[in-house]
Amino acid sequence: MMSSKRYARWLTTLLALLCCAFPHAQAEPAATVAPGSDEISPRLVGYKKTARRTLYLHVFTPDAAKFAGPRPAIILFHGGGWVEGDALRFYDQARHLAGEGMVAVSADYRLGGADGTDPRAALSDAISAMRYLRGHAAALGIDPVRIAAGGGSAGGQLAAALATSSGFEDPADDPRVSYRPSALVLFNPVIDNSPDGYGNDRVSGYWQAFSPLHNVQPGHPATLIMLGTHDALIPVATGEAYCEKVRAAGAECRLALYEGQPHAFFARSRSPRYYAETLAAMDAFLGKLGYLSAPTD
């Protein structure tokens, strides 16, 4: 019998293929948890329609009986070089944070492979996703003042760029709604997109505005960066340089290093140990900011 997670991945792939073949198809993906499971299941919320498909927010909501009132939230963006990947990659972290009392969202965005777009579209979608969350905070049970952003690799770049970049907004969005996050949780983020960093060949015409490292400014949110010391894409020096700029801008920045670990070391499927350690670091960081709280009786 196929497991619920394998079934969800199969179904998501099938839906992506259907959407490419039939651009107007609006079928909604299924949750990854089998009926009867005590794990938190996501609710799929469409936040944007593009030429080829509807983009969804995969929303994990805490138990309202345990965590009352509007809750802090976090939106997470998967990696894949702005070319491939899917929101399932951050389901583990999102489900964990929902269990700790945050509204946790794993977001779709346009990709070079599925959508034929470049990284500017991915950042435009990240901005739209954050604006949707903040603009619909009441309906989603979210405290609009406390919406963090996070992600891994290229998704970490998108999260950081929400705090640093300008000029990539979708003109269809409401400009009155801020897309700046209140905190950042970054897993081996590709935050240097200069000719000396990652992905410059894909963003060469606009990297100066796109690269988070080169656009840190006052008002930057508190930041956690988790990075393996053997990451072939992001040198430790890049994480150190980013934190130096964030601190100079007046905000907290913590760089957590994981000795000998490569890129994408934090995934549970790759290393249960480092998955648990990065969860603990994330919890400590968000708990210090007051985003996690003990459940009520």
Protein backbone atom coordinates (compact mmCIF):
# COMPACT_ATOMS: atom_id res chain seq x y z
CA MET A 1 0.00 0.00 0.00
CA MET A 2 1.33 3.47 -0.90
CA SER A 3 2.19 5.67 2.10
CA SER A 4 0.35 8.99 2.55
CA LYS A 5 3.52 10.99 1.85
CA ARG A 6 4.36 9.03 -1.30
CA TYR A 7 0.74 9.37 -2.42
CA ALA A 8 0.85 13.14 -1.89
CA ARG A 9 4.06 13.50 -3.90
CA TRP A 10 2.58 11.38 -6.69
CA LEU A 11 -0.62 13.44 -6.66
CA THR A 12 1.24 16.77 -6.64
CA THR A 13 3.36 15.67 -9.62
CA LEU A 14 0.24 14.52 -11.49
CA LEU A 15 -1.53 17.83 -10.83
CA ALA A 16 1.50 19.79 -12.04
CA LEU A 17 1.52 17.81 -15.26
CA LEU A 18 -2.22 18.34 -15.70
CA CYS A 19 -1.89 22.07 -15.12
CA CYS A 20 0.85 22.28 -17.75
CA ALA A 21 -1.25 20.30 -20.21
CA PHE A 22 -4.48 22.12 -19.31
CA PRO A 23 -3.56 25.64 -18.13
CA HIS A 24 -7.10 26.40 -16.92
CA ALA A 25 -7.44 23.29 -14.73
CA GLN A 26 -8.08 24.30 -11.13
CA ALA A 27 -7.86 20.96 -9.30
CA GLU A 28 -6.70 21.39 -5.71
CA PRO A 29 -3.88 19.22 -4.34
CA ALA A 30 -4.67 16.89 -1.47
CA ALA A 31 -3.17 17.06 2.03
CA THR A 32 -0.27 14.76 2.81
CA VAL A 33 -1.69 13.18 5.95
CA ALA A 34 -4.01 10.22 5.74
CA PRO A 35 -7.53 10.54 7.22
CA GLY A 36 -7.55 9.57 10.88
CA SER A 37 -3.96 10.68 11.48
CA ASP A 38 -3.36 12.85 14.54
CA GLU A 39 -0.84 14.95 12.60
CA ILE A 40 -1.74 18.45 11.45
CA SER A 41 -2.90 18.55 7.84
CA PRO A 42 -2.54 21.58 5.57
CA ARG A 43 -5.32 23.63 4.06
CA LEU A 44 -4.69 24.71 0.47
CA VAL A 45 -5.41 28.39 -0.18
CA GLY A 46 -5.04 29.77 -3.69
CA TYR A 47 -3.30 33.14 -3.57
CA LYS A 48 -2.43 33.84 -7.21
CA LYS A 49 -3.37 32.70 -10.71
CA THR A 50 -0.61 32.69 -13.31
CA ALA A 51 -0.61 31.86 -17.00
CA ARG A 52 -0.14 28.15 -16.31
CA ARG A 53 -1.50 27.40 -12.85
CA THR A 54 -2.89 28.54 -9.53
CA LEU A 55 -0.30 29.06 -6.80
CA TYR A 56 -1.22 27.80 -3.35
CA LEU A 57 -0.36 28.52 0.23
CA HIS A 58 -0.19 25.25 2.17
CA VAL A 59 -1.46 26.46 5.55
CA PHE A 60 -0.83 24.50 8.76
CA THR A 61 -2.98 25.92 11.56
CA PRO A 62 -2.44 25.28 15.29
CA ASP A 63 -5.13 23.68 17.41
CA ALA A 64 -7.35 26.63 18.34
CA ALA A 65 -8.29 24.96 21.62
CA LYS A 66 -4.63 24.90 22.67
CA PHE A 67 -3.44 28.15 21.11
CA ALA A 68 -6.09 30.83 21.33
CA GLY A 69 -6.22 34.18 19.54
CA PRO A 70 -4.40 35.47 16.48
CA ARG A 71 -1.13 33.58 16.18
CA PRO A 72 2.34 34.51 14.91
CA ALA A 73 2.98 33.05 11.46
CA ILE A 74 5.82 32.01 9.20
CA ILE A 75 5.88 31.55 5.44
CA LEU A 76 8.45 29.09 4.06
CA PHE A 77 9.86 28.84 0.54
CA HIS A 78 11.41 25.65 -0.80
CA GLY A 79 14.72 25.50 -2.64
CA GLY A 80 15.62 24.26 -6.11
CA GLY A 81 17.57 27.06 -7.77
CA TRP A 82 14.32 28.90 -8.72
CA VAL A 83 13.95 26.09 -11.30
CA GLU A 84 12.38 23.08 -9.55
CA GLY A 85 11.02 21.83 -6.22
CA ASP A 86 7.68 21.97 -4.43
CA ALA A 87 6.05 23.12 -1.21
CA LEU A 88 6.14 19.59 0.22
CA ARG A 89 9.82 20.12 1.01
CA PHE A 90 8.94 22.28 4.02
CA TYR A 91 5.96 20.28 5.25
CA ASP A 92 7.97 18.77 8.12
CA GLN A 93 9.08 22.15 9.47
CA ALA A 94 5.66 23.72 8.91
CA ARG A 95 3.82 20.89 10.65
CA HIS A 96 6.25 21.10 13.57
CA LEU A 97 5.78 24.85 14.00
CA ALA A 98 2.00 24.54 13.83
CA GLY A 99 2.26 22.04 16.63
CA GLU A 100 4.18 24.66 18.60
CA GLY A 101 1.50 27.32 18.10
CA MET A 102 2.44 29.19 14.90
CA VAL A 103 0.43 29.38 11.70
CA ALA A 104 2.99 27.85 9.34
CA VAL A 105 2.73 28.17 5.57
CA SER A 106 4.70 26.45 2.81
CA ALA A 107 4.28 28.39 -0.42
CA ASP A 108 4.16 27.57 -4.12
CA TYR A 109 5.86 29.98 -6.51
CA ARG A 110 6.69 30.03 -10.20
CA LEU A 111 9.66 27.94 -11.34
CA GLY A 112 11.86 27.92 -14.38
CA GLY A 113 11.06 24.29 -15.12
CA ALA A 114 7.28 24.21 -14.63
CA ASP A 115 6.49 27.77 -15.65
CA GLY A 116 9.28 28.89 -17.98
CA THR A 117 9.98 31.93 -15.80
CA ASP A 118 13.15 33.48 -14.40
CA PRO A 119 13.90 34.19 -10.70
CA ARG A 120 12.21 37.59 -10.85
CA ALA A 121 8.86 35.82 -11.11
CA ALA A 122 9.70 33.70 -8.07
CA LEU A 123 10.43 36.81 -6.00
CA SER A 124 7.31 38.53 -7.32
CA ASP A 125 5.29 35.52 -6.15
CA ALA A 126 6.98 35.51 -2.75
CA ILE A 127 5.98 39.16 -2.35
CA SER A 128 2.40 38.35 -3.41
CA ALA A 129 2.28 35.43 -0.96
CA MET A 130 3.39 37.57 1.96
CA ARG A 131 0.94 40.31 1.02
CA TYR A 132 -1.85 37.73 0.81
CA LEU A 133 -1.05 36.43 4.29
CA ARG A 134 -0.95 39.88 5.84
CA GLY A 135 -3.98 41.08 3.91
CA HIS A 136 -6.02 38.04 5.01
CA ALA A 137 -4.57 37.80 8.51
CA ALA A 138 -7.92 37.97 10.29
CA ALA A 139 -9.44 35.15 8.24
CA LEU A 140 -6.35 32.98 8.73
CA GLY A 141 -6.05 33.64 12.47
CA ILE A 142 -2.72 35.45 12.07
CA ASP A 143 -1.21 38.35 13.96
CA PRO A 144 -0.28 40.61 11.02
CA VAL A 145 2.56 42.25 12.95
CA ARG A 146 4.33 38.93 13.54
CA ILE A 147 4.79 37.17 10.19
CA ALA A 148 8.25 35.69 9.74
CA ALA A 149 9.69 34.34 6.49
CA GLY A 150 12.02 31.44 5.95
CA GLY A 151 13.29 29.01 3.39
CA GLY A 152 16.12 26.88 2.13
CA SER A 153 18.71 27.58 -0.57
CA ALA A 154 16.98 29.60 -3.33
CA GLY A 155 13.90 29.70 -1.11
CA GLY A 156 16.08 31.24 1.59
CA GLN A 157 17.04 33.90 -0.94
CA LEU A 158 13.37 34.65 -1.54
CA ALA A 159 12.68 34.96 2.18
CA ALA A 160 15.66 37.24 2.74
CA ALA A 161 14.79 39.32 -0.33
CA LEU A 162 11.39 40.07 1.20
CA ALA A 163 13.36 42.03 3.79
CA THR A 164 15.92 43.59 1.47
CA SER A 165 14.79 43.96 -2.14
CA SER A 166 12.47 46.38 -3.92
CA GLY A 167 11.28 46.68 -7.50
CA PHE A 168 9.99 43.11 -7.97
CA GLU A 169 6.39 43.68 -6.86
CA ASP A 170 3.46 42.40 -8.89
CA PRO A 171 1.51 45.47 -10.09
CA ALA A 172 -1.73 43.56 -9.44
CA ASP A 173 -0.99 43.43 -5.69
CA ASP A 174 -2.26 45.96 -3.18
CA PRO A 175 0.75 48.26 -2.56
CA ARG A 176 -0.70 49.33 0.79
CA VAL A 177 0.02 45.89 2.27
CA SER A 178 3.60 45.48 3.46
CA TYR A 179 5.54 42.39 2.41
CA ARG A 180 8.41 42.91 4.84
CA PRO A 181 8.80 39.98 7.27
CA SER A 182 9.15 40.47 11.00
CA ALA A 183 11.87 37.79 11.34
CA LEU A 184 13.92 35.50 9.09
CA VAL A 185 14.72 31.78 9.47
CA LEU A 186 17.17 30.84 6.71
CA PHE A 187 18.45 27.35 5.90
CA ASN A 188 21.66 27.53 3.81
CA PRO A 189 20.29 30.55 1.89
CA VAL A 190 21.86 31.70 -1.38
CA ILE A 191 22.05 35.31 -0.13
CA ASP A 192 24.95 36.41 -2.36
CA ASN A 193 23.85 36.56 -6.01
CA SER A 194 26.79 38.64 -7.20
CA PRO A 195 29.32 37.30 -9.74
CA ASP A 196 31.17 35.85 -6.73
CA GLY A 197 28.06 34.18 -5.29
CA TYR A 198 25.41 31.69 -6.40
CA GLY A 199 23.07 31.92 -9.37
CA ASN A 200 24.50 35.04 -10.97
CA ASP A 201 24.22 33.48 -14.42
CA ARG A 202 20.42 33.42 -13.91
CA VAL A 203 20.08 36.93 -12.47
CA SER A 204 23.01 38.76 -14.06
CA GLY A 205 20.91 41.58 -15.46
CA TYR A 206 19.42 42.56 -12.11
CA TRP A 207 21.51 40.94 -9.38
CA GLN A 208 22.34 44.25 -7.68
CA ALA A 209 18.69 44.66 -6.66
CA PHE A 210 18.04 40.91 -6.24
CA SER A 211 20.92 39.88 -3.96
CA PRO A 212 20.05 40.12 -0.23
CA LEU A 213 23.69 40.54 0.81
CA HIS A 214 23.93 43.74 -1.21
CA ASN A 215 20.67 45.31 -0.01
CA VAL A 216 20.66 45.05 3.79
CA GLN A 217 19.24 48.24 5.24
CA PRO A 218 18.03 49.69 8.56
CA GLY A 219 14.85 48.01 9.69
CA HIS A 220 16.09 44.54 8.72
CA PRO A 221 14.41 41.90 10.92
CA ALA A 222 16.09 39.59 13.42
CA THR A 223 17.67 36.72 11.50
CA LEU A 224 18.77 33.13 12.02
CA ILE A 225 21.04 31.50 9.41
CA MET A 226 21.78 27.75 9.60
CA LEU A 227 24.68 26.65 7.43
CA GLY A 228 26.87 23.60 6.99
CA THR A 229 30.60 24.23 7.04
CA HIS A 230 31.07 22.03 3.93
CA ASP A 231 28.36 23.69 1.87
CA ALA A 232 29.71 23.86 -1.71
CA LEU A 233 27.33 26.69 -2.67
CA ILE A 234 27.38 29.05 0.32
CA PRO A 235 30.73 29.62 2.06
CA VAL A 236 30.72 30.27 5.78
CA ALA A 237 32.24 33.67 4.97
CA THR A 238 29.04 34.61 3.14
CA GLY A 239 26.94 33.88 6.20
CA GLU A 240 29.36 35.85 8.36
CA ALA A 241 29.28 38.82 5.98
CA TYR A 242 25.50 38.85 5.95
CA CYS A 243 25.27 38.77 9.73
CA GLU A 244 27.80 41.57 10.01
CA LYS A 245 25.64 43.75 7.75
CA VAL A 246 22.44 42.88 9.61
CA ARG A 247 24.04 43.74 12.96
CA ALA A 248 25.40 46.98 11.53
CA ALA A 249 21.82 47.76 10.46
CA GLY A 250 20.73 47.38 14.08
CA ALA A 251 19.19 43.90 14.15
CA GLU A 252 20.09 40.55 15.71
CA CYS A 253 21.68 37.96 13.45
CA ARG A 254 22.65 34.50 14.60
CA LEU A 255 24.79 32.25 12.41
CA ALA A 256 24.49 28.60 13.46
CA LEU A 257 27.19 26.44 11.87
CA TYR A 258 26.99 22.66 11.49
CA GLU A 259 30.41 21.10 11.23
CA GLY A 260 31.10 19.06 8.09
CA GLN A 261 27.57 19.36 6.72
CA PRO A 262 26.85 19.92 3.00
CA HIS A 263 24.09 21.85 1.27
CA ALA A 264 20.51 20.84 2.21
CA PHE A 265 21.76 19.03 5.32
CA PHE A 266 18.68 20.06 7.32
CA ALA A 267 16.11 17.85 5.55
CA ARG A 268 14.71 15.03 7.67
CA SER A 269 15.07 12.61 4.74
CA ARG A 270 18.77 13.39 4.56
CA SER A 271 19.70 13.47 8.24
CA PRO A 272 17.27 12.96 11.14
CA ARG A 273 19.98 14.25 13.47
CA TYR A 274 20.47 17.59 11.76
CA TYR A 275 16.78 17.92 11.05
CA ALA A 276 16.22 17.73 14.81
CA GLU A 277 19.12 20.08 15.58
CA THR A 278 17.92 22.73 13.13
CA LEU A 279 14.38 22.44 14.50
CA ALA A 280 15.77 23.07 17.98
CA ALA A 281 17.74 26.12 16.76
CA MET A 282 14.66 27.46 14.98
CA ASP A 283 12.49 26.93 18.07
CA ALA A 284 15.00 28.68 20.31
CA PHE A 285 15.22 31.66 17.96
CA LEU A 286 11.47 32.01 17.49
CA GLY A 287 10.84 31.37 21.18
CA LYS A 288 13.19 34.21 22.12
CA LEU A 289 11.17 36.51 19.87
CA GLY A 290 7.96 35.41 21.60
CA TYR A 291 6.56 33.61 18.56
CA LEU A 292 6.21 30.28 20.36
CA SER A 293 4.26 29.92 23.57
CA ALA A 294 3.02 27.20 25.88
CA PRO A 295 -0.42 25.87 25.00
CA THR A 296 -3.35 26.77 27.21
CA ASP A 297 -5.09 24.08 29.26
